[in-house]
Amino acid sequence: MSQTFRQPEILEIARRDGKVTVEGLAGHFGVTLQTIRRDLTELAEAGRLERVHGGAILPSGVANIGYEERRSLHHDAKTAIARACAAEVPEKISLFLNIGTSTEAVARELLGHRNMLVVTNNMNVANILAANPDCDVIVTGGSLRRADGGLVGTLAAETIRQFKFDLAVIGCSALDRDGDLLDFDIQEVGVSQTILRQSRRTFLVADHSKLSRSAPARIASLSQLEAVFTDRALPPDLMRACETWQTRVVLA
């Protein structure tokens, strides 16, 4: 297989898994390690990947992956995470769901919940939960982000400050190895920080790929959350930190 065909597939694997290894790709394509290293170097020079020891990861940057692409990435993992999270969401509460494909997956798992008030700055979440007649839905105001149906900015934050939520379920764009939740949009970060202040309890839903990504803006630390729902074990140092912080890690 020529590099013309290999390199797009290498990028697809990186988007799916968060990273690629030289040995794994060599085995996958049936080519030499040197050939794969050359492919990764070319992709890195083009800004498509970032080289790390033994392979490459998606590049750190200031722009998120496109919404439609994020919806298809790790679909099964997001569904399992959402199911595990929804199982711990009680009925008869006030709940906030923020922007993201992971929180949208949680919304789908809440269609059978009853007597809930859900506030969201995610138009997609509102449309999903409109199918649940036992759930009252309030959509914040704010500036519409057409790319993903998110509502951000001052008006969104002001609406959120009018409530005190029993529980918030949030997502993030990246999760740093020291336990910091990261995002790309400064306006969304401000809204997310307001959500944390206005919630008695907070859950994070994040698949394993978030640990392979980076983003420039810090939302909060896992130490501020009650639980994180994910599909793979966190790195040992971060697991120990969560134990110290008494932040539960739930593997779906």
Protein backbone atom coordinates (compact mmCIF):
# COMPACT_ATOMS: atom_id res chain seq x y z
CA MET A 1 0.00 0.00 0.00
CA SER A 2 1.42 3.38 -1.00
CA GLN A 3 1.77 6.28 1.42
CA THR A 4 -1.07 8.03 -0.46
CA PHE A 5 -3.42 5.41 0.96
CA ARG A 6 -1.58 4.73 4.24
CA GLN A 7 -1.43 8.25 5.59
CA PRO A 8 -5.19 8.98 5.54
CA GLU A 9 -5.79 5.66 7.30
CA ILE A 10 -3.06 6.50 9.84
CA LEU A 11 -4.90 9.75 10.61
CA GLU A 12 -8.19 7.87 10.94
CA ILE A 13 -6.63 5.43 13.43
CA ALA A 14 -5.15 8.35 15.39
CA ARG A 15 -8.55 10.06 15.58
CA ARG A 16 -10.19 6.81 16.66
CA ASP A 17 -7.63 5.76 19.27
CA GLY A 18 -6.06 9.09 20.22
CA LYS A 19 -2.58 7.88 19.30
CA VAL A 20 -0.68 5.51 16.99
CA THR A 21 2.48 3.45 17.52
CA VAL A 22 5.18 2.68 14.99
CA GLU A 23 5.08 -1.05 15.73
CA GLY A 24 1.29 -1.21 15.64
CA LEU A 25 1.09 0.58 12.29
CA ALA A 26 3.89 -1.51 10.79
CA GLY A 27 1.99 -4.66 11.72
CA HIS A 28 -1.30 -3.24 10.50
CA PHE A 29 0.03 -2.26 7.07
CA GLY A 30 2.66 -5.01 6.71
CA VAL A 31 5.50 -2.56 6.10
CA THR A 32 8.80 -1.80 7.82
CA LEU A 33 9.21 0.33 10.93
CA GLN A 34 11.31 2.75 8.87
CA THR A 35 8.45 3.23 6.41
CA ILE A 36 6.02 4.07 9.20
CA ARG A 37 8.50 6.44 10.86
CA ARG A 38 8.80 8.26 7.52
CA ASP A 39 5.00 8.48 7.23
CA LEU A 40 4.70 9.86 10.75
CA THR A 41 7.46 12.39 10.14
CA GLU A 42 5.73 13.64 7.00
CA LEU A 43 2.38 13.89 8.80
CA ALA A 44 4.03 15.73 11.69
CA GLU A 45 5.73 18.17 9.34
CA ALA A 46 2.33 18.84 7.76
CA GLY A 47 0.87 19.55 11.20
CA ARG A 48 -1.49 16.56 11.09
CA LEU A 49 0.17 14.62 13.92
CA GLU A 50 2.59 15.27 16.78
CA ARG A 51 5.50 12.86 17.16
CA VAL A 52 6.06 11.22 20.54
CA HIS A 53 8.35 8.40 21.61
CA GLY A 54 7.36 5.25 19.74
CA GLY A 55 4.61 6.82 17.67
CA ALA A 56 2.43 9.91 17.33
CA ILE A 57 -0.65 11.60 18.78
CA LEU A 58 -3.17 14.09 17.51
CA PRO A 59 -1.54 17.52 17.66
CA SER A 60 -2.09 19.88 20.55
CA GLY A 61 -3.83 22.93 19.29
CA VAL A 62 -6.38 25.65 19.73
CA ALA A 63 -9.16 24.12 17.63
CA ASN A 64 -11.38 21.17 18.44
CA ILE A 65 -12.17 18.27 16.12
CA GLY A 66 -15.29 18.88 14.03
CA TYR A 67 -18.61 18.08 15.68
CA GLU A 68 -19.78 15.44 13.20
CA GLU A 69 -16.44 13.69 13.47
CA ARG A 70 -16.61 13.78 17.29
CA ARG A 71 -20.09 12.23 17.19
CA SER A 72 -18.75 9.16 15.40
CA LEU A 73 -15.55 8.77 17.44
CA HIS A 74 -15.63 6.13 20.21
CA HIS A 75 -19.39 5.75 19.85
CA ASP A 76 -19.59 2.45 21.75
CA ALA A 77 -17.41 3.77 24.58
CA LYS A 78 -19.53 6.91 24.92
CA THR A 79 -22.70 4.82 25.04
CA ALA A 80 -21.29 2.57 27.77
CA ILE A 81 -20.07 5.59 29.76
CA ALA A 82 -23.43 7.31 29.39
CA ARG A 83 -25.28 4.20 30.56
CA ALA A 84 -23.08 3.89 33.65
CA CYS A 85 -23.50 7.59 34.44
CA ALA A 86 -27.28 7.59 33.93
CA ALA A 87 -27.57 4.63 36.32
CA GLU A 88 -26.28 6.95 39.07
CA VAL A 89 -28.52 9.88 38.16
CA PRO A 90 -31.56 9.75 40.47
CA GLU A 91 -35.05 10.77 39.46
CA LYS A 92 -36.81 13.82 40.93
CA ILE A 93 -33.77 16.10 40.77
CA SER A 94 -32.57 19.22 39.01
CA LEU A 95 -29.79 18.39 36.53
CA PHE A 96 -27.50 20.35 34.26
CA LEU A 97 -26.07 18.85 31.05
CA ASN A 98 -23.49 20.88 29.17
CA ILE A 99 -22.10 20.93 25.62
CA GLY A 100 -20.62 17.81 24.08
CA THR A 101 -21.29 14.51 22.37
CA SER A 102 -20.71 12.61 25.63
CA THR A 103 -23.40 14.56 27.48
CA GLU A 104 -25.72 14.03 24.52
CA ALA A 105 -25.19 10.29 24.98
CA VAL A 106 -26.15 10.70 28.66
CA ALA A 107 -29.32 12.52 27.62
CA ARG A 108 -30.34 9.53 25.48
CA GLU A 109 -29.93 7.27 28.50
CA LEU A 110 -32.21 9.54 30.56
CA LEU A 111 -35.24 9.16 28.33
CA GLY A 112 -36.79 6.78 30.88
CA HIS A 113 -36.14 8.97 33.92
CA ARG A 114 -39.12 10.69 35.55
CA ASN A 115 -39.87 13.96 37.33
CA MET A 116 -36.67 15.74 36.38
CA LEU A 117 -35.82 19.34 35.66
CA VAL A 118 -32.98 19.52 33.15
CA VAL A 119 -31.24 22.78 32.29
CA THR A 120 -28.84 22.76 29.38
CA ASN A 121 -26.82 25.02 27.11
CA ASN A 122 -26.79 22.25 24.48
CA MET A 123 -29.52 22.47 21.85
CA ASN A 124 -28.96 18.82 20.92
CA VAL A 125 -29.57 17.70 24.52
CA ALA A 126 -32.80 19.71 24.60
CA ASN A 127 -34.01 18.09 21.39
CA ILE A 128 -33.19 14.60 22.71
CA LEU A 129 -34.96 15.12 26.03
CA ALA A 130 -37.99 16.68 24.33
CA ALA A 131 -39.00 13.05 23.74
CA ASN A 132 -39.30 12.47 27.51
CA PRO A 133 -42.70 13.79 28.68
CA ASP A 134 -41.68 13.39 32.34
CA CYS A 135 -38.72 15.75 31.99
CA ASP A 136 -39.00 19.54 32.07
CA VAL A 137 -36.31 21.12 29.91
CA ILE A 138 -34.95 24.65 30.20
CA VAL A 139 -32.51 25.97 27.61
CA THR A 140 -30.18 28.77 28.61
CA GLY A 141 -29.81 31.83 26.47
CA GLY A 142 -26.45 32.69 24.94
CA SER A 143 -24.58 32.93 21.67
CA LEU A 144 -25.33 29.94 19.44
CA ARG A 145 -22.31 27.98 18.30
CA ARG A 146 -23.66 26.69 15.01
CA ALA A 147 -21.01 24.01 14.69
CA ASP A 148 -22.35 21.96 17.61
CA GLY A 149 -25.53 23.58 18.91
CA GLY A 150 -23.84 24.96 22.02
CA LEU A 151 -24.91 28.15 23.78
CA VAL A 152 -22.08 30.15 25.33
CA GLY A 153 -21.24 33.59 26.64
CA THR A 154 -22.49 35.95 29.32
CA LEU A 155 -26.20 35.29 28.85
CA ALA A 156 -25.69 31.53 29.26
CA ALA A 157 -23.72 32.06 32.47
CA GLU A 158 -26.30 34.51 33.83
CA THR A 159 -29.09 31.98 33.29
CA ILE A 160 -27.12 29.26 35.06
CA ARG A 161 -26.56 31.53 38.06
CA GLN A 162 -30.33 31.60 38.62
CA PHE A 163 -30.25 27.92 39.66
CA LYS A 164 -28.70 25.59 42.23
CA PHE A 165 -28.51 22.16 40.64
CA ASP A 166 -28.64 18.88 42.52
CA LEU A 167 -26.26 17.43 39.94
CA ALA A 168 -24.32 18.47 36.84
CA VAL A 169 -22.98 16.09 34.22
CA ILE A 170 -20.27 17.71 32.13
CA GLY A 171 -17.82 16.80 29.41
CA CYS A 172 -14.49 18.31 28.37
CA SER A 173 -12.29 18.44 25.29
CA ALA A 174 -9.17 17.08 27.00
CA LEU A 175 -8.02 15.71 30.35
CA ASP A 176 -4.48 16.50 31.41
CA ARG A 177 -2.29 13.95 33.17
CA ASP A 178 -2.38 16.06 36.34
CA GLY A 179 -6.17 15.91 36.42
CA ASP A 180 -7.07 19.25 34.85
CA LEU A 181 -10.13 19.44 32.60
CA LEU A 182 -9.34 21.44 29.45
CA ASP A 183 -11.26 23.05 26.60
CA PHE A 184 -10.73 25.08 23.44
CA ASP A 185 -13.38 27.79 23.76
CA ILE A 186 -12.72 30.43 26.44
CA GLN A 187 -16.41 31.37 26.51
CA GLU A 188 -17.40 27.74 27.10
CA VAL A 189 -14.83 27.46 29.89
CA GLY A 190 -16.44 30.39 31.70
CA VAL A 191 -19.86 28.76 31.40
CA SER A 192 -18.50 25.41 32.63
CA GLN A 193 -16.92 27.06 35.68
CA THR A 194 -20.27 28.68 36.48
CA ILE A 195 -21.95 25.26 36.22
CA LEU A 196 -19.51 23.84 38.77
CA ARG A 197 -20.18 26.69 41.21
CA GLN A 198 -23.94 26.23 40.92
CA SER A 199 -24.01 22.44 41.37
CA ARG A 200 -24.03 20.43 44.58
CA ARG A 201 -22.50 17.42 42.83
CA THR A 202 -20.68 17.09 39.50
CA PHE A 203 -19.92 14.08 37.30
CA LEU A 204 -17.48 14.10 34.37
CA VAL A 205 -18.08 11.85 31.36
CA ALA A 206 -14.93 11.38 29.25
CA ASP A 207 -13.69 8.54 27.07
CA HIS A 208 -10.04 7.46 27.06
CA SER A 209 -9.10 9.59 24.04
CA LYS A 210 -9.40 12.77 26.13
CA LEU A 211 -6.13 11.79 27.87
CA SER A 212 -4.33 11.77 24.52
CA ARG A 213 -5.42 15.29 23.62
CA SER A 214 -4.59 18.77 24.80
CA ALA A 215 -6.44 22.09 24.81
CA PRO A 216 -5.33 25.56 25.92
CA ALA A 217 -7.95 26.59 28.50
CA ARG A 218 -8.38 25.11 31.99
CA ILE A 219 -11.88 24.47 33.35
CA ALA A 220 -11.22 22.83 36.73
CA SER A 221 -9.51 19.91 38.44
CA LEU A 222 -10.86 16.40 38.96
CA SER A 223 -10.36 17.17 42.66
CA GLN A 224 -13.46 19.40 42.43
CA LEU A 225 -15.68 16.60 41.09
CA GLU A 226 -17.47 13.71 42.76
CA ALA A 227 -16.86 11.18 40.01
CA VAL A 228 -15.44 10.61 36.54
CA PHE A 229 -17.01 8.04 34.22
CA THR A 230 -14.65 6.65 31.60
CA ASP A 231 -13.97 3.49 29.59
CA ARG A 232 -10.34 2.74 30.49
CA ALA A 233 -8.27 2.97 33.65
CA LEU A 234 -6.61 6.33 34.22
CA PRO A 235 -2.79 6.49 34.37
CA PRO A 236 -1.53 5.17 37.75
CA ASP A 237 -0.40 8.59 39.03
CA LEU A 238 -3.77 10.11 38.21
CA MET A 239 -5.62 7.18 39.79
CA ARG A 240 -3.66 7.72 43.00
CA ALA A 241 -4.43 11.43 42.88
CA CYS A 242 -8.15 10.69 42.50
CA GLU A 243 -7.98 8.43 45.54
CA THR A 244 -6.38 11.27 47.50
CA TRP A 245 -9.03 13.71 46.26
CA GLN A 246 -11.80 11.17 46.95
CA THR A 247 -12.92 11.49 43.35
CA ARG A 248 -14.51 8.21 42.26
CA VAL A 249 -13.39 6.68 38.97
CA VAL A 250 -16.12 4.57 37.37
CA LEU A 251 -15.05 2.30 34.50
CA ALA A 252 -17.82 1.55 32.04
